[in-house]
Amino acid sequence: MRAALIATGLVTVYYVLPLDGRSTTGTSALLACGLLLVIVIFSWEVRAITRSPYPRLKAVEALAATLVLFLLLFAGTYYLLEHSTPGSFSEPLTKTDSLYFTLTTFTTVGYGDVAPRTQTGRVLAMVQMAGGLLLVGVAARILAGAVQAGLRRRGREPSDDFTSQPED
């Protein structure tokens, strides 16, 4: 429930945040600072998982917060890029269009109805693609390790053999 509330809160902030037409340099700085923030929050969440009495639930919450923040960061950056450099994409982007393009890129569906036209837009999309793969692959492994550490700390580590039956 808390994961859904965090995701809803972050999406709400995205829509009410007054994003103005910053320069491409400002957009790049925002993206760099935002990615650093995602890493800091993720690190803090990993530490919280290992200390949590419910590490599995905390891991779900951490993944939801980190993933939503990552996606909204790119959506906001795409929005700012289109408004600071019109024509960066195949069509003008609203906040919803930017979020749609971000999710399309992240899920690798690639409808093709919104596509980057400029080199900056394409580089930004490639950074998101690589970051998404890292987030899913590496972050999932780190979160799983943090869950295991949290369970070991509490003496509740699950058996490695999931096929064994409990004794009567």
Protein backbone atom coordinates (compact mmCIF):
# COMPACT_ATOMS: atom_id res chain seq x y z
CA MET A 1 0.00 0.00 0.00
CA ARG A 2 2.82 2.37 0.90
CA ALA A 3 4.54 1.65 -2.45
CA ALA A 4 1.38 2.66 -4.31
CA LEU A 5 1.07 5.83 -2.24
CA ILE A 6 4.70 6.75 -2.92
CA ALA A 7 4.24 6.18 -6.66
CA THR A 8 1.02 8.20 -6.68
CA GLY A 9 2.66 11.02 -4.74
CA LEU A 10 5.64 11.16 -7.09
CA VAL A 11 3.41 11.23 -10.19
CA THR A 12 1.31 14.00 -8.60
CA VAL A 13 4.46 16.04 -7.91
CA TYR A 14 5.52 15.53 -11.55
CA TYR A 15 2.26 16.97 -12.83
CA VAL A 16 2.10 19.95 -10.45
CA LEU A 17 5.80 20.85 -10.61
CA PRO A 18 6.15 24.02 -12.68
CA LEU A 19 8.67 22.87 -15.28
CA ASP A 20 9.72 25.88 -17.33
CA GLY A 21 11.66 26.04 -20.57
CA ARG A 22 15.21 25.68 -19.24
CA SER A 23 18.22 25.67 -21.50
CA THR A 24 19.72 22.42 -22.72
CA THR A 25 22.56 22.96 -20.22
CA GLY A 26 20.05 23.39 -17.41
CA THR A 27 18.21 20.28 -18.56
CA SER A 28 21.46 18.30 -18.55
CA ALA A 29 22.29 19.56 -15.07
CA LEU A 30 18.81 18.62 -13.86
CA LEU A 31 19.20 15.12 -15.28
CA ALA A 32 22.66 14.65 -13.74
CA CYS A 33 21.49 15.86 -10.31
CA GLY A 34 18.34 13.77 -10.58
CA LEU A 35 20.29 10.61 -11.44
CA LEU A 36 22.58 11.28 -8.48
CA LEU A 37 19.49 11.65 -6.30
CA VAL A 38 18.14 8.31 -7.59
CA ILE A 39 21.44 6.63 -6.64
CA VAL A 40 21.45 8.25 -3.18
CA ILE A 41 17.82 7.25 -2.52
CA PHE A 42 18.46 3.73 -3.80
CA SER A 43 21.49 3.37 -1.50
CA TRP A 44 19.49 4.63 1.45
CA GLU A 45 16.68 2.17 0.62
CA VAL A 46 19.14 -0.76 0.45
CA ARG A 47 20.40 0.12 3.91
CA ALA A 48 16.80 0.38 5.18
CA ILE A 49 15.96 -3.06 3.73
CA THR A 50 18.75 -4.74 5.67
CA ARG A 51 17.44 -3.21 8.91
CA SER A 52 13.75 -3.69 8.28
CA PRO A 53 11.72 -6.31 10.16
CA TYR A 54 9.99 -6.94 6.81
CA PRO A 55 12.79 -6.78 4.25
CA ARG A 56 10.75 -8.21 1.36
CA LEU A 57 8.02 -5.59 1.72
CA LYS A 58 10.62 -2.85 2.13
CA ALA A 59 12.32 -4.05 -1.08
CA VAL A 60 9.04 -3.74 -3.01
CA GLU A 61 8.60 -0.25 -1.63
CA ALA A 62 12.20 0.66 -2.50
CA LEU A 63 11.87 -0.63 -6.05
CA ALA A 64 8.60 1.22 -6.56
CA ALA A 65 10.03 4.50 -5.30
CA THR A 66 13.30 4.19 -7.20
CA LEU A 67 11.71 3.06 -10.47
CA VAL A 68 9.00 5.73 -10.44
CA LEU A 69 11.53 8.42 -9.56
CA PHE A 70 13.82 7.26 -12.40
CA LEU A 71 10.99 7.28 -14.93
CA LEU A 72 9.62 10.66 -13.83
CA LEU A 73 13.10 12.15 -13.94
CA PHE A 74 13.42 11.18 -17.60
CA ALA A 75 9.88 12.29 -18.41
CA GLY A 76 10.61 15.71 -16.93
CA THR A 77 13.91 15.90 -18.79
CA TYR A 78 12.25 15.03 -22.11
CA TYR A 79 9.59 17.65 -21.43
CA LEU A 80 12.21 20.30 -20.69
CA LEU A 81 14.30 19.32 -23.72
CA GLU A 82 11.32 19.66 -26.06
CA HIS A 83 10.43 23.06 -24.60
CA SER A 84 14.00 24.41 -24.64
CA THR A 85 14.76 22.98 -28.09
CA PRO A 86 11.49 22.67 -30.02
CA GLY A 87 11.52 19.93 -32.62
CA SER A 88 13.66 17.58 -30.52
CA PHE A 89 10.91 14.98 -30.91
CA SER A 90 8.61 14.01 -33.75
CA GLU A 91 5.81 15.97 -32.10
CA PRO A 92 5.53 18.56 -29.31
CA LEU A 93 5.46 16.92 -25.89
CA THR A 94 3.11 17.64 -23.02
CA LYS A 95 3.92 16.20 -19.60
CA THR A 96 1.69 13.22 -20.39
CA ASP A 97 3.36 12.75 -23.79
CA SER A 98 6.77 12.86 -22.10
CA LEU A 99 5.72 10.25 -19.55
CA TYR A 100 4.23 8.12 -22.33
CA PHE A 101 7.49 8.27 -24.32
CA THR A 102 9.49 7.45 -21.18
CA LEU A 103 7.39 4.37 -20.43
CA THR A 104 7.46 3.32 -24.08
CA THR A 105 11.25 3.53 -24.08
CA PHE A 106 11.60 1.81 -20.69
CA THR A 107 9.39 -1.10 -21.63
CA THR A 108 11.09 -1.35 -25.04
CA VAL A 109 7.71 -1.37 -26.76
CA GLY A 110 8.77 1.47 -29.05
CA TYR A 111 5.51 2.39 -30.78
CA GLY A 112 7.26 4.91 -32.96
CA ASP A 113 4.57 7.57 -32.69
CA VAL A 114 6.88 9.74 -30.58
CA ALA A 115 10.55 9.61 -31.50
CA PRO A 116 13.58 11.78 -30.83
CA ARG A 117 14.72 13.77 -33.88
CA THR A 118 17.75 15.62 -32.55
CA GLN A 119 21.07 14.13 -31.50
CA THR A 120 20.48 15.37 -27.94
CA GLY A 121 17.08 13.67 -27.83
CA ARG A 122 18.54 10.42 -29.15
CA VAL A 123 21.45 10.46 -26.72
CA LEU A 124 19.05 11.13 -23.86
CA ALA A 125 16.85 8.20 -24.96
CA MET A 126 19.92 5.93 -25.12
CA VAL A 127 20.96 6.99 -21.62
CA GLN A 128 17.47 6.12 -20.40
CA MET A 129 17.58 2.73 -22.15
CA ALA A 130 20.95 1.85 -20.60
CA GLY A 131 19.87 3.19 -17.21
CA GLY A 132 16.65 1.20 -17.36
CA LEU A 133 18.54 -2.00 -18.04
CA LEU A 134 20.89 -1.26 -15.16
CA LEU A 135 18.01 -0.39 -12.87
CA VAL A 136 16.16 -3.60 -13.63
CA GLY A 137 19.20 -5.90 -13.68
CA VAL A 138 21.66 -4.55 -11.16
CA ALA A 139 19.15 -2.93 -8.83
CA ALA A 140 17.04 -6.07 -8.62
CA ARG A 141 20.13 -8.10 -7.68
CA ILE A 142 21.20 -5.54 -5.06
CA LEU A 143 17.68 -5.45 -3.58
CA ALA A 144 17.56 -9.25 -3.45
CA GLY A 145 20.90 -9.26 -1.64
CA ALA A 146 19.64 -6.66 0.81
CA VAL A 147 16.54 -8.77 1.50
CA GLN A 148 18.74 -11.81 2.16
CA ALA A 149 20.94 -9.75 4.50
CA GLY A 150 17.86 -8.49 6.34
CA LEU A 151 16.51 -12.02 6.72
CA ARG A 152 19.89 -13.36 7.91
CA ARG A 153 20.12 -10.55 10.42
CA ARG A 154 16.82 -11.66 11.89
CA GLY A 155 17.66 -15.33 11.75
CA ARG A 156 14.91 -16.04 9.19
CA GLU A 157 16.92 -16.82 6.09
CA PRO A 158 14.85 -19.00 3.75
CA SER A 159 16.16 -22.39 2.81
CA ASP A 160 18.09 -22.60 -0.46
CA ASP A 161 16.18 -25.78 -1.24
CA PHE A 162 12.65 -24.69 -2.07
CA THR A 163 11.55 -28.26 -2.81
CA SER A 164 12.04 -29.61 0.68
CA GLN A 165 8.96 -30.39 2.71
CA PRO A 166 8.62 -29.51 6.38
CA GLU A 167 8.89 -32.42 8.73
CA ASP A 168 5.78 -33.59 10.57
